[in-house]
Protein backbone atom coordinates (compact mmCIF):
# COMPACT_ATOMS: atom_id res chain seq x y z
CA MET A 1 -30.50 -22.81 16.63
CA SER A 2 -31.86 -19.54 18.06
CA THR A 3 -32.30 -16.44 15.94
CA ASN A 4 -29.52 -14.63 17.84
CA ALA A 5 -27.12 -17.53 17.35
CA GLN A 6 -27.90 -17.66 13.64
CA GLN A 7 -27.24 -13.89 13.34
CA ILE A 8 -23.91 -14.27 15.12
CA LYS A 9 -22.95 -17.15 12.84
CA ASN A 10 -23.89 -15.19 9.72
CA ALA A 11 -21.92 -12.17 10.89
CA PHE A 12 -18.80 -14.14 11.78
CA PRO A 13 -17.20 -14.21 8.30
CA HIS A 14 -17.74 -10.47 7.97
CA ARG A 15 -16.08 -9.89 11.33
CA LEU A 16 -13.13 -11.99 10.26
CA LEU A 17 -12.80 -9.93 7.09
CA PHE A 18 -13.01 -6.71 9.09
CA LEU A 19 -10.36 -7.90 11.53
CA ALA A 20 -8.09 -8.96 8.67
CA LEU A 21 -8.40 -5.55 7.02
CA LEU A 22 -7.84 -3.81 10.35
CA SER A 23 -4.76 -5.93 10.99
CA ALA A 24 -3.34 -5.08 7.56
CA LEU A 25 -3.95 -1.38 8.19
CA VAL A 26 -2.26 -1.51 11.57
CA CYS A 27 0.73 -3.31 10.08
CA GLN A 28 1.12 -0.66 7.40
CA THR A 29 0.59 2.31 9.69
CA PRO A 30 4.12 2.45 11.17
CA VAL A 31 5.67 2.62 7.70
CA LEU A 32 3.31 5.32 6.46
CA ALA A 33 3.54 7.23 9.72
CA ALA A 34 7.32 7.12 9.58
CA GLN A 35 7.30 8.46 6.03
CA ALA A 36 4.96 11.34 6.85
CA ASN A 37 6.11 12.05 10.43
CA PRO A 38 7.64 15.55 10.62
CA HIS A 39 9.69 14.40 13.61
CA LEU A 40 11.20 11.44 11.74
CA PHE A 41 14.59 13.15 11.50
CA ALA A 42 14.21 15.77 14.22
CA SER A 43 15.11 13.33 16.98
CA ALA A 44 18.08 11.86 15.10
CA PRO A 45 21.59 13.28 15.63
CA ILE A 46 21.79 14.62 12.07
CA PRO A 47 21.59 18.12 10.61
CA VAL A 48 18.09 19.14 9.53
CA TYR A 49 17.75 21.76 6.81
CA SER A 50 15.14 24.22 5.73
CA TYR A 51 15.47 26.19 2.48
CA GLU A 52 15.72 29.58 0.90
CA ILE A 53 14.33 30.14 -2.58
CA VAL A 54 16.93 31.77 -4.80
CA GLN A 55 14.84 31.88 -7.98
CA THR A 56 11.52 30.57 -9.24
CA TYR A 57 10.98 29.22 -12.76
CA ARG A 58 8.00 28.04 -14.78
CA HIS A 59 7.28 24.33 -14.88
CA ASP A 60 4.78 22.50 -17.06
CA PRO A 61 1.74 21.90 -14.81
CA SER A 62 0.76 18.87 -16.90
CA ALA A 63 4.10 17.13 -16.25
CA PHE A 64 3.78 14.27 -13.76
CA THR A 65 7.46 14.56 -12.88
CA GLN A 66 9.14 11.27 -12.05
CA GLY A 67 12.75 12.05 -12.94
CA LEU A 68 14.79 15.23 -13.33
CA VAL A 69 18.44 15.82 -14.20
CA TYR A 70 20.32 18.98 -15.20
CA ASP A 71 22.59 18.58 -18.22
CA GLY A 72 24.17 21.17 -20.47
CA GLY A 73 22.03 24.13 -19.49
CA ALA A 74 18.64 22.41 -19.54
CA PHE A 75 16.80 19.50 -17.94
CA TRP A 76 16.05 15.96 -18.95
CA GLU A 77 12.67 15.21 -17.39
CA GLY A 78 10.90 11.88 -17.18
CA THR A 79 7.14 12.02 -16.76
CA GLY A 80 4.69 9.34 -15.69
CA GLU A 81 1.09 8.17 -16.00
CA TYR A 82 -0.03 5.50 -18.47
CA GLY A 83 -0.62 6.96 -21.90
CA GLN A 84 1.15 10.22 -20.98
CA SER A 85 4.66 9.14 -20.06
CA ALA A 86 7.55 10.78 -21.89
CA LEU A 87 11.20 11.71 -21.85
CA ARG A 88 11.63 15.36 -22.61
CA ARG A 89 14.27 18.06 -22.91
CA VAL A 90 13.05 21.08 -20.95
CA SER A 91 14.21 24.70 -20.89
CA LEU A 92 15.26 26.00 -17.49
CA GLU A 93 14.38 29.59 -18.33
CA ASN A 94 10.73 29.15 -19.32
CA GLY A 95 9.84 25.49 -18.77
CA SER A 96 9.09 24.87 -22.44
CA VAL A 97 9.53 21.41 -23.96
CA LEU A 98 12.39 21.53 -26.46
CA ARG A 99 12.27 17.87 -27.52
CA GLN A 100 10.47 14.78 -26.35
CA ILE A 101 9.78 11.14 -27.04
CA LYS A 102 6.64 9.47 -25.76
CA LEU A 103 6.61 6.04 -24.16
CA ALA A 104 4.29 3.24 -25.17
CA ASN A 105 0.89 3.47 -23.51
CA SER A 106 1.65 0.31 -21.56
CA LEU A 107 4.65 1.92 -19.81
CA PHE A 108 4.58 4.26 -16.80
CA GLY A 109 7.71 6.41 -16.97
CA GLU A 110 9.87 6.95 -13.89
CA GLY A 111 13.34 8.27 -13.01
CA VAL A 112 16.01 9.40 -15.47
CA ALA A 113 19.79 9.61 -15.41
CA VAL A 114 22.51 10.65 -17.86
CA TRP A 115 25.37 8.26 -18.57
CA LYS A 116 27.95 9.52 -21.08
CA ASP A 117 26.06 9.99 -24.40
CA ARG A 118 23.00 8.10 -23.19
CA ILE A 119 19.90 8.73 -21.10
CA ILE A 120 18.51 6.01 -18.89
CA GLN A 121 14.82 5.95 -17.99
CA LEU A 122 13.08 3.57 -15.63
CA THR A 123 9.50 2.36 -15.77
CA TRP A 124 7.36 1.71 -12.74
CA GLN A 125 6.00 -1.83 -12.70
CA SER A 126 7.01 -3.19 -16.11
CA GLY A 127 10.48 -4.25 -14.97
CA VAL A 128 12.10 -2.59 -17.97
CA GLY A 129 14.56 0.28 -18.31
CA LEU A 130 14.95 2.28 -21.51
CA VAL A 131 18.22 3.52 -23.01
CA TYR A 132 18.25 6.49 -25.40
CA CYS A 133 20.84 8.23 -27.51
CA LYS A 134 21.11 11.71 -26.04
CA GLU A 135 21.77 13.34 -29.40
CA ASN A 136 18.58 12.32 -31.18
CA LEU A 137 16.40 10.70 -28.47
CA THR A 138 16.16 7.38 -30.25
CA GLU A 139 15.79 4.28 -28.12
CA THR A 140 18.97 2.19 -28.43
CA GLY A 141 18.40 -0.56 -25.88
CA ARG A 142 16.55 -1.96 -22.90
CA PHE A 143 17.45 -3.66 -19.65
CA TYR A 144 15.41 -5.49 -17.06
CA TYR A 145 15.04 -5.62 -13.27
CA ARG A 146 12.90 -7.53 -10.80
CA THR A 147 11.82 -4.67 -8.55
CA GLU A 148 9.70 -1.63 -9.25
CA GLY A 149 11.53 1.28 -10.83
CA TRP A 150 11.33 4.65 -9.06
CA GLY A 151 14.39 6.91 -9.10
CA ILE A 152 17.82 6.67 -10.72
CA THR A 153 21.05 8.69 -10.67
CA SER A 154 24.77 8.16 -11.25
CA ASP A 155 27.87 8.65 -9.12
CA GLY A 156 30.06 8.77 -12.23
CA LYS A 157 30.94 5.09 -11.97
CA ARG A 158 27.65 3.33 -11.29
CA LEU A 159 23.94 3.86 -11.67
CA ILE A 160 22.00 4.08 -8.41
CA MET A 161 18.36 3.03 -8.46
CA SER A 162 15.49 3.17 -5.96
CA ASP A 163 12.40 0.96 -5.92
CA GLY A 164 10.13 2.71 -3.40
CA THR A 165 11.38 0.73 -0.41
CA ASP A 166 14.43 1.42 1.78
CA ALA A 167 16.74 -0.25 -0.76
CA LEU A 168 19.19 1.35 -3.18
CA HIS A 169 20.54 -0.77 -6.04
CA PHE A 170 23.93 -0.06 -7.63
CA LEU A 171 24.13 -1.09 -11.29
CA ASP A 172 26.90 -1.43 -13.83
CA PRO A 173 26.06 1.36 -16.36
CA GLU A 174 27.20 -0.73 -19.31
CA THR A 175 25.67 -4.14 -18.54
CA PHE A 176 23.03 -3.01 -15.99
CA ARG A 177 24.01 -5.92 -13.77
CA GLU A 178 23.37 -5.26 -10.08
CA LEU A 179 26.68 -4.79 -8.27
CA GLU A 180 25.52 -3.99 -4.77
CA GLN A 181 22.48 -3.18 -2.66
CA ILE A 182 22.32 -1.11 0.49
CA ASN A 183 19.44 -0.34 2.81
CA VAL A 184 18.84 3.22 3.99
CA THR A 185 18.49 3.79 7.72
CA CYS A 186 18.25 6.66 10.17
CA GLY A 187 19.26 5.88 13.71
CA GLY A 188 18.93 2.19 12.95
CA SER A 189 15.39 2.44 11.56
CA PRO A 190 14.65 1.82 7.87
CA VAL A 191 13.76 4.84 5.76
CA GLU A 192 11.25 3.79 3.12
CA GLY A 193 9.63 5.54 0.19
CA LEU A 194 12.91 6.41 -1.55
CA ASN A 195 11.86 8.04 -4.79
CA GLU A 196 13.63 10.45 -7.17
CA LEU A 197 17.41 10.54 -6.69
CA GLU A 198 20.29 12.92 -7.32
CA TYR A 199 23.99 12.40 -6.59
CA ILE A 200 25.49 15.60 -5.17
CA ASP A 201 29.00 16.06 -3.80
CA GLY A 202 29.45 12.42 -2.83
CA LYS A 203 26.01 11.97 -1.30
CA ILE A 204 22.66 10.68 -2.54
CA TYR A 205 19.70 13.04 -2.24
CA ALA A 206 16.34 11.25 -2.27
CA ASN A 207 12.77 12.46 -2.30
CA LEU A 208 10.80 10.54 0.33
CA TRP A 209 7.37 9.64 -1.02
CA PRO A 210 4.80 10.92 -0.13
CA THR A 211 6.37 13.72 1.94
CA ASP A 212 8.10 17.08 1.63
CA TRP A 213 11.36 15.61 2.96
CA ILE A 214 14.62 15.00 1.13
CA ALA A 215 17.01 12.54 2.74
CA ILE A 216 20.77 13.01 2.31
CA ILE A 217 22.29 9.54 2.27
CA SER A 218 25.76 8.01 2.52
CA PRO A 219 26.33 5.82 -0.57
CA GLU A 220 28.80 3.72 1.42
CA THR A 221 26.65 2.83 4.45
CA GLY A 222 23.08 3.85 3.58
CA GLU A 223 22.93 5.95 6.73
CA VAL A 224 20.97 9.21 6.52
CA LEU A 225 23.49 12.01 7.07
CA GLY A 226 21.01 14.87 6.94
CA ALA A 227 17.47 15.76 5.91
CA ALA A 228 15.76 18.74 4.33
CA ASN A 229 12.17 19.73 5.03
CA LEU A 230 10.67 21.53 2.02
CA ALA A 231 7.17 21.91 3.45
CA GLY A 232 5.40 25.00 2.13
CA ILE A 233 7.75 25.62 -0.78
CA LEU A 234 4.88 25.63 -3.28
CA PRO A 235 2.51 28.53 -2.51
CA LYS A 236 -1.06 27.54 -1.68
CA ALA A 237 -2.28 29.53 -4.67
CA ASP A 238 -0.33 27.16 -6.93
CA ALA A 239 -1.07 23.94 -5.04
CA ARG A 240 -4.56 23.18 -6.28
CA GLY A 241 -4.68 19.84 -8.10
CA VAL A 242 -0.97 19.11 -7.70
CA ASP A 243 0.70 15.94 -6.47
CA VAL A 244 3.75 15.46 -4.24
CA LEU A 245 7.22 16.99 -4.24
CA ASN A 246 9.32 14.93 -6.65
CA GLY A 247 12.28 16.01 -8.71
CA ILE A 248 15.81 16.96 -7.66
CA ALA A 249 18.46 18.24 -10.07
CA PHE A 250 21.89 19.75 -9.52
CA ASP A 251 24.06 22.06 -11.60
CA PRO A 252 27.61 21.35 -10.38
CA LYS A 253 29.20 24.25 -12.28
CA GLY A 254 26.77 26.81 -10.92
CA ASP A 255 26.30 25.02 -7.56
CA ARG A 256 22.54 25.23 -8.05
CA LEU A 257 20.03 22.84 -6.50
CA PHE A 258 16.65 22.59 -8.27
CA VAL A 259 13.44 20.99 -7.03
CA THR A 260 9.91 20.60 -8.34
CA GLY A 261 6.95 18.24 -8.04
CA LYS A 262 4.35 16.25 -9.92
CA LEU A 263 1.99 18.60 -11.78
CA TRP A 264 3.64 21.62 -10.18
CA PRO A 265 3.49 24.90 -12.12
CA LYS A 266 6.81 26.01 -10.63
CA LEU A 267 10.38 24.80 -10.32
CA PHE A 268 12.70 26.26 -7.68
CA TRP A 269 16.39 26.97 -7.36
CA ILE A 270 16.96 26.65 -3.64
CA LYS A 271 19.69 26.86 -1.04
CA LEU A 272 19.55 24.51 1.92
CA VAL A 273 19.94 26.22 5.30
CA GLN A 274 20.65 24.27 8.46
CA GLU A 275 17.86 24.90 10.97
CA ASP A 276 20.06 26.12 13.82
CA GLU A 277 21.85 28.50 11.45
CA LYS A 278 18.56 29.92 10.19
CA ASP A 279 17.47 30.71 13.74
CA GLN A 280 20.60 32.76 14.44
């Protein structure tokens, strides 16, 4: 065998590996591009919203926010990262931690929801959900699921859970049995990366990881009914070392919509403004 032939033979396995990696990257690109594409919703026949900041509040810059819900004048916030995950009661006015319980080091905390006198918290890849007594933050139970746990909210009858894909799972809040699953689409295309959730006025609001978009979703059909682009909401001076937008909470009595992000030093009360109305 010639020297050139031997070199080609030796290089062949490496080329196969390179092609395999390239193929995997190409296969993933449409999903990632769709998640990050600023025109993802612009071409769809749905309203697209920008925002106005009504008020800015302090937020703990060490909080890797994975879940946020407004309840009784303050927030329940679920934070992530192994060894740092917690469920905490947080002041709206100054961002201080009023109460908290830390998760085991083996658990990565995710979304949170309130159900009656309980708080539900998901974990990322452990397949376990945690149930707490709201009054004293003691763990009172656990439930299990086969997907990853990302975001969770409630429509007053069911829990609604995301797993990072285009799927939303509807659970019985007492038994945690899955009742239904829908897939989220926009113009017939799947919308993936569904993260933190909030149920507002009959619709599901979902952070889309890893973007600045919030999708407004029909809980009946999974169709995206509108989308909000929150790009630039965190000033550049505050953006050093932060992670993505994640965290939606709603105060129904005050009609206030709150948003924040992972490791963000600020939390915002915002008003959504339809793009064509803002231009007028």
